[in-house]
Amino acid sequence: MADDKVMPNEKNIKINYLKTGDFREIACDGVLGGPTPQGKVWLAFYTERFPMPQVVEHLLVEGLREGELSVGGEPVVIQSREGIIRNVEFGVYMSVTAAEQLRDWLIDQLKNNPGKSK
């Protein structure tokens, strides 16, 4: 995304990248978004998974020791969501210029990726 060209009459500048305490890395299965009323670009990154059951029922089995209980057998799902869960991890607002730079950077990364699929 950075422009590596330096104008002849300009001086070089060092840019240091620092990670905040909130920095994290996540998997990304997709993105949604669009323009904002202020003319910026909004992106929200998400991961996908099947729903986890909210309530399950197990067979209650008495243990070998007196008063000991445990669960056995396969659980029966009593309550669960249907379909696929898209967990929206975070959103990003950026200028159109930054979005164009991101586009160009992504295209460059895809062209130079030795593991890319055809």
C-alpha atoms as a PDB file:
ATOM      1  CA  MET A   1       0.000   0.000   0.000  1.00  0.00           C
ATOM      2  CA  ALA A   2       2.916   2.329   0.553  1.00  0.00           C
ATOM      3  CA  ASP A   3       4.235   4.411  -2.286  1.00  0.00           C
ATOM      4  CA  ASP A   4       7.946   3.567  -2.449  1.00  0.00           C
ATOM      5  CA  LYS A   5       8.756   6.492  -4.769  1.00  0.00           C
ATOM      6  CA  VAL A   6      10.419   9.514  -3.222  1.00  0.00           C
ATOM      7  CA  MET A   7      10.297  12.831  -5.018  1.00  0.00           C
ATOM      8  CA  PRO A   8      13.814  14.144  -5.898  1.00  0.00           C
ATOM      9  CA  ASN A   9      13.527  17.257  -3.700  1.00  0.00           C
ATOM     10  CA  GLU A  10      12.021  15.471  -0.698  1.00  0.00           C
ATOM     11  CA  LYS A  11      13.788  13.873   2.239  1.00  0.00           C
ATOM     12  CA  ASN A  12      13.235  10.309   3.389  1.00  0.00           C
ATOM     13  CA  ILE A  13      11.197   9.637   6.487  1.00  0.00           C
ATOM     14  CA  LYS A  14      11.194   6.560   8.707  1.00  0.00           C
ATOM     15  CA  ILE A  15       7.789   5.242   9.736  1.00  0.00           C
ATOM     16  CA  ASN A  16       7.572   3.044  12.816  1.00  0.00           C
ATOM     17  CA  TYR A  17       4.697   0.596  13.220  1.00  0.00           C
ATOM     18  CA  LEU A  18       3.501  -0.040  16.781  1.00  0.00           C
ATOM     19  CA  LYS A  19       0.817  -2.537  17.769  1.00  0.00           C
ATOM     20  CA  THR A  20      -1.737  -1.422  20.332  1.00  0.00           C
ATOM     21  CA  GLY A  21      -2.730  -3.628  23.257  1.00  0.00           C
ATOM     22  CA  ASP A  22      -5.933  -4.411  21.340  1.00  0.00           C
ATOM     23  CA  PHE A  23      -4.078  -5.747  18.290  1.00  0.00           C
ATOM     24  CA  ARG A  24      -5.193  -9.222  17.258  1.00  0.00           C
ATOM     25  CA  GLU A  25      -5.083 -11.470  14.241  1.00  0.00           C
ATOM     26  CA  ILE A  26      -8.200 -13.240  13.053  1.00  0.00           C
ATOM     27  CA  ALA A  27      -9.252 -15.565  10.287  1.00  0.00           C
ATOM     28  CA  CYS A  28     -11.362 -13.986   7.553  1.00  0.00           C
ATOM     29  CA  ASP A  29     -13.892 -15.894   5.490  1.00  0.00           C
ATOM     30  CA  GLY A  30     -15.431 -12.855   3.852  1.00  0.00           C
ATOM     31  CA  VAL A  31     -16.177  -9.155   3.893  1.00  0.00           C
ATOM     32  CA  LEU A  32     -19.221  -6.964   3.429  1.00  0.00           C
ATOM     33  CA  GLY A  33     -19.584  -3.225   3.233  1.00  0.00           C
ATOM     34  CA  GLY A  34     -20.188  -0.213   1.065  1.00  0.00           C
ATOM     35  CA  PRO A  35     -20.066   3.561   0.965  1.00  0.00           C
ATOM     36  CA  THR A  36     -20.890   5.701   3.997  1.00  0.00           C
ATOM     37  CA  PRO A  37     -22.965   8.910   3.916  1.00  0.00           C
ATOM     38  CA  GLN A  38     -19.681  10.814   4.479  1.00  0.00           C
ATOM     39  CA  GLY A  39     -18.176   9.384   1.290  1.00  0.00           C
ATOM     40  CA  LYS A  40     -15.890   6.857   2.997  1.00  0.00           C
ATOM     41  CA  VAL A  41     -15.731   3.126   2.387  1.00  0.00           C
ATOM     42  CA  TRP A  42     -16.897   0.778   5.165  1.00  0.00           C
ATOM     43  CA  LEU A  43     -15.747  -2.856   5.370  1.00  0.00           C
ATOM     44  CA  ALA A  44     -16.766  -5.463   7.943  1.00  0.00           C
ATOM     45  CA  PHE A  45     -14.762  -8.689   8.102  1.00  0.00           C
ATOM     46  CA  TYR A  46     -16.394 -11.925   9.240  1.00  0.00           C
ATOM     47  CA  THR A  47     -15.779 -15.594   9.891  1.00  0.00           C
ATOM     48  CA  GLU A  48     -18.270 -18.342   9.056  1.00  0.00           C
ATOM     49  CA  ARG A  49     -19.229 -21.459  10.965  1.00  0.00           C
ATOM     50  CA  PHE A  50     -22.138 -23.757  11.602  1.00  0.00           C
ATOM     51  CA  PRO A  51     -24.227 -22.904  14.668  1.00  0.00           C
ATOM     52  CA  MET A  52     -23.390 -24.350  18.058  1.00  0.00           C
ATOM     53  CA  PRO A  53     -26.314 -25.890  19.927  1.00  0.00           C
ATOM     54  CA  GLN A  54     -27.844 -23.640  22.579  1.00  0.00           C
ATOM     55  CA  VAL A  55     -29.466 -26.472  24.556  1.00  0.00           C
ATOM     56  CA  VAL A  56     -28.718 -30.202  24.428  1.00  0.00           C
ATOM     57  CA  GLU A  57     -30.120 -33.113  26.389  1.00  0.00           C
ATOM     58  CA  HIS A  58     -28.032 -36.059  27.634  1.00  0.00           C
ATOM     59  CA  LEU A  59     -28.956 -39.314  29.266  1.00  0.00           C
ATOM     60  CA  LEU A  60     -28.204 -39.065  32.992  1.00  0.00           C
ATOM     61  CA  VAL A  61     -26.208 -42.058  34.226  1.00  0.00           C
ATOM     62  CA  GLU A  62     -25.513 -42.974  37.837  1.00  0.00           C
ATOM     63  CA  GLY A  63     -21.844 -43.450  38.577  1.00  0.00           C
ATOM     64  CA  LEU A  64     -20.125 -46.316  40.317  1.00  0.00           C
ATOM     65  CA  ARG A  65     -19.855 -44.395  43.584  1.00  0.00           C
ATOM     66  CA  GLU A  66     -22.901 -43.423  45.588  1.00  0.00           C
ATOM     67  CA  GLY A  67     -24.300 -40.023  44.635  1.00  0.00           C
ATOM     68  CA  GLU A  68     -22.079 -39.689  41.554  1.00  0.00           C
ATOM     69  CA  LEU A  69     -23.856 -38.673  38.348  1.00  0.00           C
ATOM     70  CA  SER A  70     -22.548 -38.320  34.811  1.00  0.00           C
ATOM     71  CA  VAL A  71     -23.906 -37.904  31.314  1.00  0.00           C
ATOM     72  CA  GLY A  72     -23.831 -40.631  28.703  1.00  0.00           C
ATOM     73  CA  GLY A  73     -24.897 -41.385  25.182  1.00  0.00           C
ATOM     74  CA  GLU A  74     -25.160 -39.019  22.262  1.00  0.00           C
ATOM     75  CA  PRO A  75     -26.585 -35.567  23.042  1.00  0.00           C
ATOM     76  CA  VAL A  76     -29.957 -34.625  21.581  1.00  0.00           C
ATOM     77  CA  VAL A  77     -30.087 -31.023  20.326  1.00  0.00           C
ATOM     78  CA  ILE A  78     -33.099 -29.300  21.870  1.00  0.00           C
ATOM     79  CA  GLN A  79     -32.475 -25.752  20.675  1.00  0.00           C
ATOM     80  CA  SER A  80     -30.116 -24.358  18.034  1.00  0.00           C
ATOM     81  CA  ARG A  81     -29.943 -21.708  15.368  1.00  0.00           C
ATOM     82  CA  GLU A  82     -30.427 -22.750  11.758  1.00  0.00           C
ATOM     83  CA  GLY A  83     -28.236 -21.976   8.771  1.00  0.00           C
ATOM     84  CA  ILE A  84     -24.728 -20.559   8.924  1.00  0.00           C
ATOM     85  CA  ILE A  85     -23.341 -18.104  11.468  1.00  0.00           C
ATOM     86  CA  ARG A  86     -21.391 -15.125  10.156  1.00  0.00           C
ATOM     87  CA  ASN A  87     -19.558 -13.652  13.104  1.00  0.00           C
ATOM     88  CA  VAL A  88     -18.671 -10.066  12.208  1.00  0.00           C
ATOM     89  CA  GLU A  89     -15.256  -9.566  13.799  1.00  0.00           C
ATOM     90  CA  PHE A  90     -14.553  -5.889  13.141  1.00  0.00           C
ATOM     91  CA  GLY A  91     -15.342  -2.978  10.854  1.00  0.00           C
ATOM     92  CA  VAL A  92     -13.030  -0.557   9.060  1.00  0.00           C
ATOM     93  CA  TYR A  93     -13.772   2.922   7.724  1.00  0.00           C
ATOM     94  CA  MET A  94     -11.389   4.331   5.147  1.00  0.00           C
ATOM     95  CA  SER A  95     -11.155   7.095   2.592  1.00  0.00           C
ATOM     96  CA  VAL A  96     -11.680   6.304  -1.073  1.00  0.00           C
ATOM     97  CA  THR A  97      -7.952   6.938  -1.603  1.00  0.00           C
ATOM     98  CA  ALA A  98      -7.044   4.412   1.106  1.00  0.00           C
ATOM     99  CA  ALA A  99      -9.524   1.919  -0.414  1.00  0.00           C
ATOM    100  CA  GLU A 100      -7.895   2.362  -3.834  1.00  0.00           C
ATOM    101  CA  GLN A 101      -4.463   1.818  -2.268  1.00  0.00           C
ATOM    102  CA  LEU A 102      -5.771  -1.315  -0.553  1.00  0.00           C
ATOM    103  CA  ARG A 103      -7.187  -2.558  -3.869  1.00  0.00           C
ATOM    104  CA  ASP A 104      -3.870  -1.992  -5.635  1.00  0.00           C
ATOM    105  CA  TRP A 105      -1.935  -3.628  -2.799  1.00  0.00           C
ATOM    106  CA  LEU A 106      -4.238  -6.684  -2.857  1.00  0.00           C
ATOM    107  CA  ILE A 107      -3.883  -7.026  -6.637  1.00  0.00           C
ATOM    108  CA  ASP A 108      -0.102  -6.849  -6.290  1.00  0.00           C
ATOM    109  CA  GLN A 109      -0.115  -9.440  -3.493  1.00  0.00           C
ATOM    110  CA  LEU A 110      -2.275 -11.799  -5.544  1.00  0.00           C
ATOM    111  CA  LYS A 111      -0.045 -11.434  -8.623  1.00  0.00           C
ATOM    112  CA  ASN A 112       3.092 -12.208  -6.585  1.00  0.00           C
ATOM    113  CA  ASN A 113       1.652 -15.024  -4.449  1.00  0.00           C
ATOM    114  CA  PRO A 114       3.428 -18.267  -5.366  1.00  0.00           C
ATOM    115  CA  GLY A 115       0.694 -20.334  -3.683  1.00  0.00           C
ATOM    116  CA  LYS A 116      -2.231 -18.743  -5.488  1.00  0.00           C
ATOM    117  CA  SER A 117      -4.803 -21.031  -7.065  1.00  0.00           C
ATOM    118  CA  LYS A 118      -5.772 -20.724 -10.691  1.00  0.00           C
END
